[in-house]
Amino acid sequence: MKLAAHRYGKSRVRVLKVRRDGEMHTIKELAVDVAFSGDFERSYIEGDNRQVVPTDTIKNTVHVLAKEQLGPATEPFAVALAQHFIARYPQVHQAEVEARERVWERLTFRGAAHAHSFTTSPLGGRPFARVIATAGTHRLESGFEDLLILKSTQSGFEGFPQCEFTTLPETSDRIFATALTATWTWNCEPADYHLANAMIRDALLEPFALHYSPSVQATLFQMGEAALKACPEISQIHLAAPNQHCLRADLSPFGIENANDLFVPTDEPHGQIEAIIARDE
């Protein structure tokens, strides 16, 4: 028998940092996953722990570096954390850090922003940054997961192959809803990660909202193109769009016509459409 592969680390290390600018506070909350690959075979095969960095040490390191280095953008902190582990422990050949953010937005009352009261983002979707670091190199990705978006018209699906098992009718007017996950890869550092990420998100949503969609596939490609055009600092983007189906309710047993306005939302089973859109070489 042999050990074919191994990795270990600490998951869901949670931190919440309050940044204070006088009476005005800002909240930054992350859940951080750290995973190591490297020279740890003897701990599995022989029970020899001399190379194993305790996962409690990993947790403490996340907390200390968050205190010292976590700012408005997640990406520099994630890179610093991964590079710290590579530099500090030679037995760690690869360190992977993923930091997922819970976004807190400031409450407003009578048009005035409150200094220290917040609510979670009404737009949904959870931003993240992911770093895979080795000695001297790192790969940085950013994105968001499970952003619920819906358009109530200007979407269709026609001209597909049909066989004896096909029951789906062709349509030029349907609801298009999905829980979008987007991941983009940086080829260089932008002037401001926060602004660049917001620009990419806006660019993704514009073709979804403004263009007729002949299929989820076609719309994903348009969205990816728009993101790459909007931000030259990214080299590619991966989009995953699980359908949030809205099925037209059958009211015919009750003698009622459903004029394409009453639907039953469901996400099981769902279509899973994914694409990677990259720049030409």
Protein backbone atom coordinates (compact mmCIF):
# COMPACT_ATOMS: atom_id res chain seq x y z
CA MET A 1 0.00 0.00 0.00
CA LYS A 2 1.08 3.57 -0.59
CA LEU A 3 -0.09 7.06 0.34
CA ALA A 4 -1.31 8.37 -3.01
CA ALA A 5 -2.09 11.95 -1.95
CA HIS A 6 -2.51 14.02 1.16
CA ARG A 7 -3.28 17.53 2.41
CA TYR A 8 -4.46 18.99 5.69
CA GLY A 9 -5.24 22.33 7.30
CA LYS A 10 -7.78 24.37 9.19
CA SER A 11 -11.22 25.33 7.87
CA ARG A 12 -13.73 28.05 8.73
CA VAL A 13 -11.41 30.20 10.80
CA ARG A 14 -13.68 33.16 11.39
CA VAL A 15 -12.52 36.72 11.95
CA LEU A 16 -14.42 39.99 12.22
CA LYS A 17 -12.40 43.18 12.19
CA VAL A 18 -13.70 46.63 13.10
CA ARG A 19 -11.87 49.50 11.44
CA ARG A 20 -12.44 52.83 13.17
CA ASP A 21 -12.19 56.23 11.53
CA GLY A 22 -13.26 58.40 14.41
CA GLU A 23 -16.91 57.62 15.11
CA MET A 24 -17.35 55.96 11.68
CA HIS A 25 -16.78 52.20 11.82
CA THR A 26 -16.36 49.64 9.01
CA ILE A 27 -16.83 45.87 9.37
CA LYS A 28 -14.78 43.19 7.60
CA GLU A 29 -15.80 39.56 8.28
CA LEU A 30 -14.10 36.51 6.74
CA ALA A 31 -14.21 32.73 7.03
CA VAL A 32 -10.75 31.44 6.13
CA ASP A 33 -9.74 27.95 4.97
CA VAL A 34 -6.05 26.97 4.92
CA ALA A 35 -4.69 23.74 3.42
CA PHE A 36 -1.10 22.46 3.24
CA SER A 37 0.56 20.01 0.89
CA GLY A 38 4.18 18.99 1.45
CA ASP A 39 6.51 16.79 3.45
CA PHE A 40 3.98 15.19 5.79
CA GLU A 41 4.05 11.57 4.64
CA ARG A 42 5.65 10.26 7.84
CA SER A 43 2.78 11.57 9.95
CA TYR A 44 0.37 9.39 7.97
CA ILE A 45 2.55 6.30 7.53
CA GLU A 46 4.64 6.26 10.71
CA GLY A 47 2.71 8.48 13.14
CA ASP A 48 5.70 10.86 13.20
CA ASN A 49 4.41 14.39 13.91
CA ARG A 50 7.72 16.29 13.79
CA GLN A 51 6.78 18.02 10.51
CA VAL A 52 3.10 18.65 11.27
CA VAL A 53 2.19 22.26 11.94
CA PRO A 54 -0.73 22.06 14.41
CA THR A 55 -4.02 23.24 12.95
CA ASP A 56 -4.44 25.32 16.11
CA THR A 57 -1.26 27.17 15.12
CA ILE A 58 -2.78 27.79 11.69
CA LYS A 59 -5.87 29.30 13.35
CA ASN A 60 -3.75 31.54 15.59
CA THR A 61 -1.68 32.69 12.61
CA VAL A 62 -4.84 33.70 10.75
CA HIS A 63 -5.93 35.77 13.74
CA VAL A 64 -2.58 37.50 14.23
CA LEU A 65 -2.11 38.35 10.56
CA ALA A 66 -5.71 39.57 10.38
CA LYS A 67 -4.97 41.94 13.24
CA GLU A 68 -1.78 43.15 11.55
CA GLN A 69 -2.62 43.12 7.84
CA LEU A 70 -6.33 42.72 7.04
CA GLY A 71 -7.63 45.84 5.31
CA PRO A 72 -10.58 46.73 3.08
CA ALA A 73 -9.53 44.23 0.36
CA THR A 74 -9.34 40.51 1.05
CA GLU A 75 -6.78 39.65 -1.63
CA PRO A 76 -3.60 41.19 -0.10
CA PHE A 77 -4.37 39.51 3.23
CA ALA A 78 -4.91 36.10 1.60
CA VAL A 79 -1.64 36.42 -0.34
CA ALA A 80 0.28 37.50 2.79
CA LEU A 81 -1.15 34.58 4.76
CA ALA A 82 -0.23 31.97 2.16
CA GLN A 83 3.26 33.42 1.70
CA HIS A 84 3.80 33.47 5.47
CA PHE A 85 3.23 29.72 5.73
CA ILE A 86 5.51 28.97 2.77
CA ALA A 87 8.31 31.14 4.20
CA ARG A 88 7.92 29.99 7.80
CA TYR A 89 7.68 26.22 7.29
CA PRO A 90 9.97 24.61 4.65
CA GLN A 91 7.99 21.36 4.89
CA VAL A 92 4.98 23.20 3.41
CA HIS A 93 5.45 22.94 -0.36
CA GLN A 94 2.07 24.45 -1.22
CA ALA A 95 -0.29 26.57 0.84
CA GLU A 96 -3.84 27.19 -0.31
CA VAL A 97 -5.86 29.95 1.34
CA GLU A 98 -9.50 30.67 0.63
CA ALA A 99 -11.19 33.59 2.38
CA ARG A 100 -14.96 34.03 1.99
CA GLU A 101 -16.51 37.31 3.04
CA ARG A 102 -19.81 38.13 4.69
CA VAL A 103 -20.57 41.62 3.45
CA TRP A 104 -21.91 44.14 5.97
CA GLU A 105 -23.46 47.34 4.64
CA ARG A 106 -24.14 50.45 6.63
CA LEU A 107 -27.70 51.22 7.76
CA THR A 108 -29.13 54.58 6.78
CA PHE A 109 -31.81 56.59 8.56
CA ARG A 110 -33.56 59.58 7.02
CA GLY A 111 -30.88 59.69 4.33
CA ALA A 112 -27.94 59.66 6.76
CA ALA A 113 -25.48 56.77 7.10
CA HIS A 114 -25.23 55.37 10.61
CA ALA A 115 -21.73 55.28 12.05
CA HIS A 116 -21.73 51.80 13.59
CA SER A 117 -24.88 49.86 12.60
CA PHE A 118 -24.95 47.41 9.70
CA THR A 119 -26.99 44.81 7.85
CA THR A 120 -25.92 42.05 5.52
CA SER A 121 -25.79 42.95 1.84
CA PRO A 122 -29.24 42.88 0.20
CA LEU A 123 -27.66 41.96 -3.16
CA GLY A 124 -26.66 38.51 -1.93
CA GLY A 125 -23.69 36.57 -3.23
CA ARG A 126 -20.61 35.96 -1.15
CA PRO A 127 -17.25 37.39 -2.29
CA PHE A 128 -14.11 35.30 -1.90
CA ALA A 129 -10.40 35.30 -2.63
CA ARG A 130 -8.31 32.16 -3.21
CA VAL A 131 -4.51 31.87 -3.24
CA ILE A 132 -2.35 28.87 -4.11
CA ALA A 133 1.25 29.62 -3.13
CA THR A 134 4.52 27.77 -3.55
CA ALA A 135 8.07 28.96 -3.00
CA GLY A 136 8.46 32.09 -5.12
CA THR A 137 5.11 31.92 -6.92
CA HIS A 138 1.42 32.29 -6.25
CA ARG A 139 -1.87 32.16 -8.17
CA LEU A 140 -4.60 34.55 -7.06
CA GLU A 141 -8.30 34.26 -7.83
CA SER A 142 -11.27 36.33 -6.73
CA GLY A 143 -14.98 36.00 -7.23
CA PHE A 144 -18.35 35.51 -5.64
CA GLU A 145 -20.62 32.53 -5.06
CA ASP A 146 -24.39 32.00 -5.11
CA LEU A 147 -25.45 35.39 -6.44
CA LEU A 148 -29.18 34.99 -7.12
CA ILE A 149 -30.18 36.80 -10.31
CA LEU A 150 -33.43 36.62 -12.27
CA LYS A 151 -34.94 38.15 -15.40
CA SER A 152 -38.67 37.65 -15.94
CA THR A 153 -38.57 37.84 -19.75
CA GLN A 154 -36.17 38.29 -22.69
CA SER A 155 -34.99 34.70 -22.37
CA GLY A 156 -35.75 31.65 -24.46
CA PHE A 157 -34.59 28.18 -25.50
CA GLU A 158 -35.37 26.92 -28.99
CA GLY A 159 -33.93 24.75 -31.76
CA PHE A 160 -32.60 21.97 -29.50
CA PRO A 161 -32.56 18.28 -30.52
CA GLN A 162 -35.68 16.30 -29.65
CA CYS A 163 -36.27 12.59 -29.26
CA GLU A 164 -38.89 10.24 -27.81
CA PHE A 165 -37.86 11.33 -24.29
CA THR A 166 -38.16 15.08 -24.90
CA THR A 167 -41.03 16.82 -23.11
CA LEU A 168 -39.56 20.33 -22.79
CA PRO A 169 -41.44 22.75 -25.08
CA GLU A 170 -39.56 25.34 -27.09
CA THR A 171 -40.06 28.90 -25.89
CA SER A 172 -38.96 32.43 -26.66
CA ASP A 173 -40.28 33.83 -23.39
CA ARG A 174 -39.25 32.24 -20.11
CA ILE A 175 -37.85 33.18 -16.72
CA PHE A 176 -34.07 33.00 -16.47
CA ALA A 177 -32.94 32.56 -12.88
CA THR A 178 -29.68 31.22 -11.50
CA ALA A 179 -27.40 31.23 -8.46
CA LEU A 180 -24.28 32.49 -10.20
CA THR A 181 -20.75 31.68 -9.07
CA ALA A 182 -17.92 33.55 -10.78
CA THR A 183 -14.17 33.08 -10.32
CA TRP A 184 -11.60 35.26 -12.07
CA THR A 185 -7.82 34.87 -12.22
CA TRP A 186 -5.51 37.86 -11.81
CA ASN A 187 -2.57 38.27 -14.15
CA CYS A 188 -1.38 41.39 -12.32
CA GLU A 189 -2.37 43.48 -9.33
CA PRO A 190 -4.99 46.18 -9.94
CA ALA A 191 -4.71 49.62 -8.42
CA ASP A 192 -7.64 48.78 -6.11
CA TYR A 193 -8.99 45.23 -5.68
CA HIS A 194 -12.29 46.45 -4.23
CA LEU A 195 -13.01 48.76 -7.16
CA ALA A 196 -11.83 46.22 -9.73
CA ASN A 197 -14.02 43.47 -8.26
CA ALA A 198 -17.04 45.79 -8.26
CA MET A 199 -16.35 46.72 -11.88
CA ILE A 200 -16.16 43.04 -12.89
CA ARG A 201 -19.43 42.26 -11.11
CA ASP A 202 -21.21 45.16 -12.81
CA ALA A 203 -19.82 44.12 -16.19
CA LEU A 204 -21.09 40.56 -15.69
CA LEU A 205 -24.61 41.65 -14.86
CA GLU A 206 -25.06 44.13 -17.71
CA PRO A 207 -25.39 41.61 -20.60
CA PHE A 208 -27.54 39.37 -18.40
CA ALA A 209 -30.02 42.19 -17.89
CA LEU A 210 -29.85 44.03 -21.21
CA HIS A 211 -29.49 41.30 -23.87
CA TYR A 212 -31.99 38.72 -25.05
CA SER A 213 -30.79 35.29 -23.93
CA PRO A 214 -31.17 32.47 -26.49
CA SER A 215 -29.62 30.10 -23.93
CA VAL A 216 -27.79 30.16 -20.62
CA GLN A 217 -24.67 29.10 -22.51
CA ALA A 218 -24.77 32.11 -24.85
CA THR A 219 -25.40 34.51 -21.98
CA LEU A 220 -22.50 33.12 -19.92
CA PHE A 221 -20.14 33.74 -22.83
CA GLN A 222 -21.39 37.32 -23.22
CA MET A 223 -20.99 37.91 -19.49
CA GLY A 224 -17.44 36.54 -19.49
CA GLU A 225 -16.51 38.67 -22.50
CA ALA A 226 -17.83 41.77 -20.76
CA ALA A 227 -15.85 41.04 -17.59
CA LEU A 228 -12.58 40.55 -19.50
CA LYS A 229 -13.12 43.78 -21.44
CA ALA A 230 -13.87 45.70 -18.25
CA CYS A 231 -10.78 44.59 -16.32
CA PRO A 232 -7.47 44.06 -18.16
CA GLU A 233 -5.84 42.75 -14.97
CA ILE A 234 -7.68 39.40 -15.17
CA SER A 235 -6.71 36.63 -17.59
CA GLN A 236 -9.79 34.39 -17.46
CA ILE A 237 -13.11 33.90 -15.70
CA HIS A 238 -15.00 30.75 -14.74
CA LEU A 239 -18.79 31.01 -14.55
CA ALA A 240 -21.11 28.40 -13.07
CA ALA A 241 -24.88 28.84 -13.42
CA PRO A 242 -27.14 26.22 -11.84
CA ASN A 243 -30.68 26.83 -13.07
CA GLN A 244 -33.24 28.03 -10.56
CA HIS A 245 -36.15 26.69 -12.60
CA CYS A 246 -39.46 28.53 -12.56
CA LEU A 247 -41.99 26.04 -13.95
CA ARG A 248 -45.31 27.32 -15.23
CA ALA A 249 -48.10 26.16 -12.92
CA ASP A 250 -50.74 23.97 -14.59
CA LEU A 251 -54.10 25.50 -13.70
CA SER A 252 -56.04 23.77 -16.48
CA PRO A 253 -57.69 21.25 -14.08
CA PHE A 254 -59.43 24.25 -12.53
CA GLY A 255 -60.47 25.79 -15.81
CA ILE A 256 -58.04 28.66 -15.35
CA GLU A 257 -55.67 29.87 -18.06
CA ASN A 258 -52.13 30.57 -16.93
CA ALA A 259 -50.99 33.44 -19.16
CA ASN A 260 -47.32 32.84 -18.34
CA ASP A 261 -47.54 34.68 -15.05
CA LEU A 262 -47.74 32.02 -12.31
CA PHE A 263 -44.75 29.74 -11.73
CA VAL A 264 -43.45 27.20 -9.24
CA PRO A 265 -39.80 27.89 -8.31
CA THR A 266 -37.60 24.81 -7.89
CA ASP A 267 -33.87 24.09 -7.82
CA GLU A 268 -33.96 20.27 -7.84
CA PRO A 269 -33.09 18.80 -10.23
CA HIS A 270 -31.35 21.65 -11.99
CA GLY A 271 -29.39 22.25 -15.13
CA GLN A 272 -25.71 23.01 -14.48
CA ILE A 273 -24.09 25.22 -17.10
CA GLU A 274 -20.43 26.26 -16.77
CA ALA A 275 -17.86 28.01 -18.93
CA ILE A 276 -14.32 29.38 -18.78
CA ILE A 277 -13.81 32.47 -20.91
CA ALA A 278 -10.16 33.40 -21.47
CA ARG A 279 -8.21 35.94 -23.44
CA ASP A 280 -6.76 34.94 -26.81
CA GLU A 281 -3.14 33.85 -26.57
